[in-house]
Amino acid sequence: MSGVIFLFFIISLLLFIGAFHYFKLLQQSASYPPKKLVKQKISVLATGGVIMLLIGLLLILLS
């Protein structure tokens, strides 16, 4: 069970790193993907990261 919990935390970390990468890309003045698309990617990755983090915390509390 601890391996599954660890997996949820690793996936959450990777999603947050991806969101941070796109956030840095958004701050640049000349980015190739349109800013609207980058903002959508940030919101999807951050939301996924929060969901995975909450699932991991829920599994810790229930075990």
C-alpha atoms as a PDB file:
ATOM      1  CA  MET A   1       0.000   0.000   0.000  1.00  0.00           C
ATOM      2  CA  SER A   2       2.878   2.366   0.718  1.00  0.00           C
ATOM      3  CA  GLY A   3       4.090   1.928  -2.861  1.00  0.00           C
ATOM      4  CA  VAL A   4       0.730   3.096  -4.215  1.00  0.00           C
ATOM      5  CA  ILE A   5       0.760   6.132  -1.922  1.00  0.00           C
ATOM      6  CA  PHE A   6       4.325   6.917  -2.999  1.00  0.00           C
ATOM      7  CA  LEU A   7       3.252   6.641  -6.639  1.00  0.00           C
ATOM      8  CA  PHE A   8       0.458   9.181  -6.119  1.00  0.00           C
ATOM      9  CA  PHE A   9       2.917  11.618  -4.530  1.00  0.00           C
ATOM     10  CA  ILE A  10       5.436  11.149  -7.354  1.00  0.00           C
ATOM     11  CA  ILE A  11       2.751  11.736 -10.003  1.00  0.00           C
ATOM     12  CA  SER A  12       1.617  14.817  -8.096  1.00  0.00           C
ATOM     13  CA  LEU A  13       5.169  16.133  -7.975  1.00  0.00           C
ATOM     14  CA  LEU A  14       5.647  15.573 -11.706  1.00  0.00           C
ATOM     15  CA  LEU A  15       2.395  17.376 -12.505  1.00  0.00           C
ATOM     16  CA  PHE A  16       3.417  20.350 -10.344  1.00  0.00           C
ATOM     17  CA  ILE A  17       6.831  20.448 -12.033  1.00  0.00           C
ATOM     18  CA  GLY A  18       5.088  20.498 -15.425  1.00  0.00           C
ATOM     19  CA  ALA A  19       2.789  23.307 -14.306  1.00  0.00           C
ATOM     20  CA  PHE A  20       5.788  25.270 -13.034  1.00  0.00           C
ATOM     21  CA  HIS A  21       7.589  24.742 -16.356  1.00  0.00           C
ATOM     22  CA  TYR A  22       4.647  26.118 -18.321  1.00  0.00           C
ATOM     23  CA  PHE A  23       4.286  28.969 -15.822  1.00  0.00           C
ATOM     24  CA  LYS A  24       7.902  29.951 -16.525  1.00  0.00           C
ATOM     25  CA  LEU A  25       7.173  29.680 -20.255  1.00  0.00           C
ATOM     26  CA  LEU A  26       4.186  31.990 -19.777  1.00  0.00           C
ATOM     27  CA  GLN A  27       6.415  34.640 -18.184  1.00  0.00           C
ATOM     28  CA  GLN A  28       8.643  34.856 -21.272  1.00  0.00           C
ATOM     29  CA  SER A  29       7.784  37.619 -23.685  1.00  0.00           C
ATOM     30  CA  ALA A  30       7.986  35.543 -26.873  1.00  0.00           C
ATOM     31  CA  SER A  31       6.689  32.031 -26.362  1.00  0.00           C
ATOM     32  CA  TYR A  32       5.674  29.877 -29.312  1.00  0.00           C
ATOM     33  CA  PRO A  33       2.464  28.339 -27.968  1.00  0.00           C
ATOM     34  CA  PRO A  34      -0.245  30.963 -27.575  1.00  0.00           C
ATOM     35  CA  LYS A  35      -0.624  32.228 -24.031  1.00  0.00           C
ATOM     36  CA  LYS A  36      -4.193  30.944 -23.858  1.00  0.00           C
ATOM     37  CA  LEU A  37      -3.005  27.408 -24.581  1.00  0.00           C
ATOM     38  CA  VAL A  38      -0.207  27.695 -22.018  1.00  0.00           C
ATOM     39  CA  LYS A  39      -2.700  28.881 -19.377  1.00  0.00           C
ATOM     40  CA  GLN A  40      -4.938  25.895 -20.134  1.00  0.00           C
ATOM     41  CA  LYS A  41      -1.998  23.521 -19.740  1.00  0.00           C
ATOM     42  CA  ILE A  42      -1.053  25.144 -16.437  1.00  0.00           C
ATOM     43  CA  SER A  43      -4.580  24.795 -15.076  1.00  0.00           C
ATOM     44  CA  VAL A  44      -4.909  21.157 -16.178  1.00  0.00           C
ATOM     45  CA  LEU A  45      -1.536  20.157 -14.744  1.00  0.00           C
ATOM     46  CA  ALA A  46      -2.045  22.027 -11.474  1.00  0.00           C
ATOM     47  CA  THR A  47      -5.542  20.594 -11.033  1.00  0.00           C
ATOM     48  CA  GLY A  48      -4.252  17.093 -11.694  1.00  0.00           C
ATOM     49  CA  GLY A  49      -1.438  17.665  -9.196  1.00  0.00           C
ATOM     50  CA  VAL A  50      -3.847  18.799  -6.508  1.00  0.00           C
ATOM     51  CA  ILE A  51      -6.147  15.827  -7.126  1.00  0.00           C
ATOM     52  CA  MET A  52      -3.261  13.341  -6.958  1.00  0.00           C
ATOM     53  CA  LEU A  53      -1.945  15.008  -3.806  1.00  0.00           C
ATOM     54  CA  LEU A  54      -5.353  14.815  -2.145  1.00  0.00           C
ATOM     55  CA  ILE A  55      -5.747  11.154  -3.100  1.00  0.00           C
ATOM     56  CA  GLY A  56      -2.313  10.433  -1.619  1.00  0.00           C
ATOM     57  CA  LEU A  57      -3.162  12.257   1.593  1.00  0.00           C
ATOM     58  CA  LEU A  58      -6.504  10.493   1.796  1.00  0.00           C
ATOM     59  CA  LEU A  59      -4.809   7.114   1.421  1.00  0.00           C
ATOM     60  CA  ILE A  60      -2.332   8.015   4.174  1.00  0.00           C
ATOM     61  CA  LEU A  61      -5.159   8.972   6.516  1.00  0.00           C
ATOM     62  CA  LEU A  62      -7.140   5.825   5.768  1.00  0.00           C
ATOM     63  CA  SER A  63      -4.233   3.401   6.162  1.00  0.00           C
END
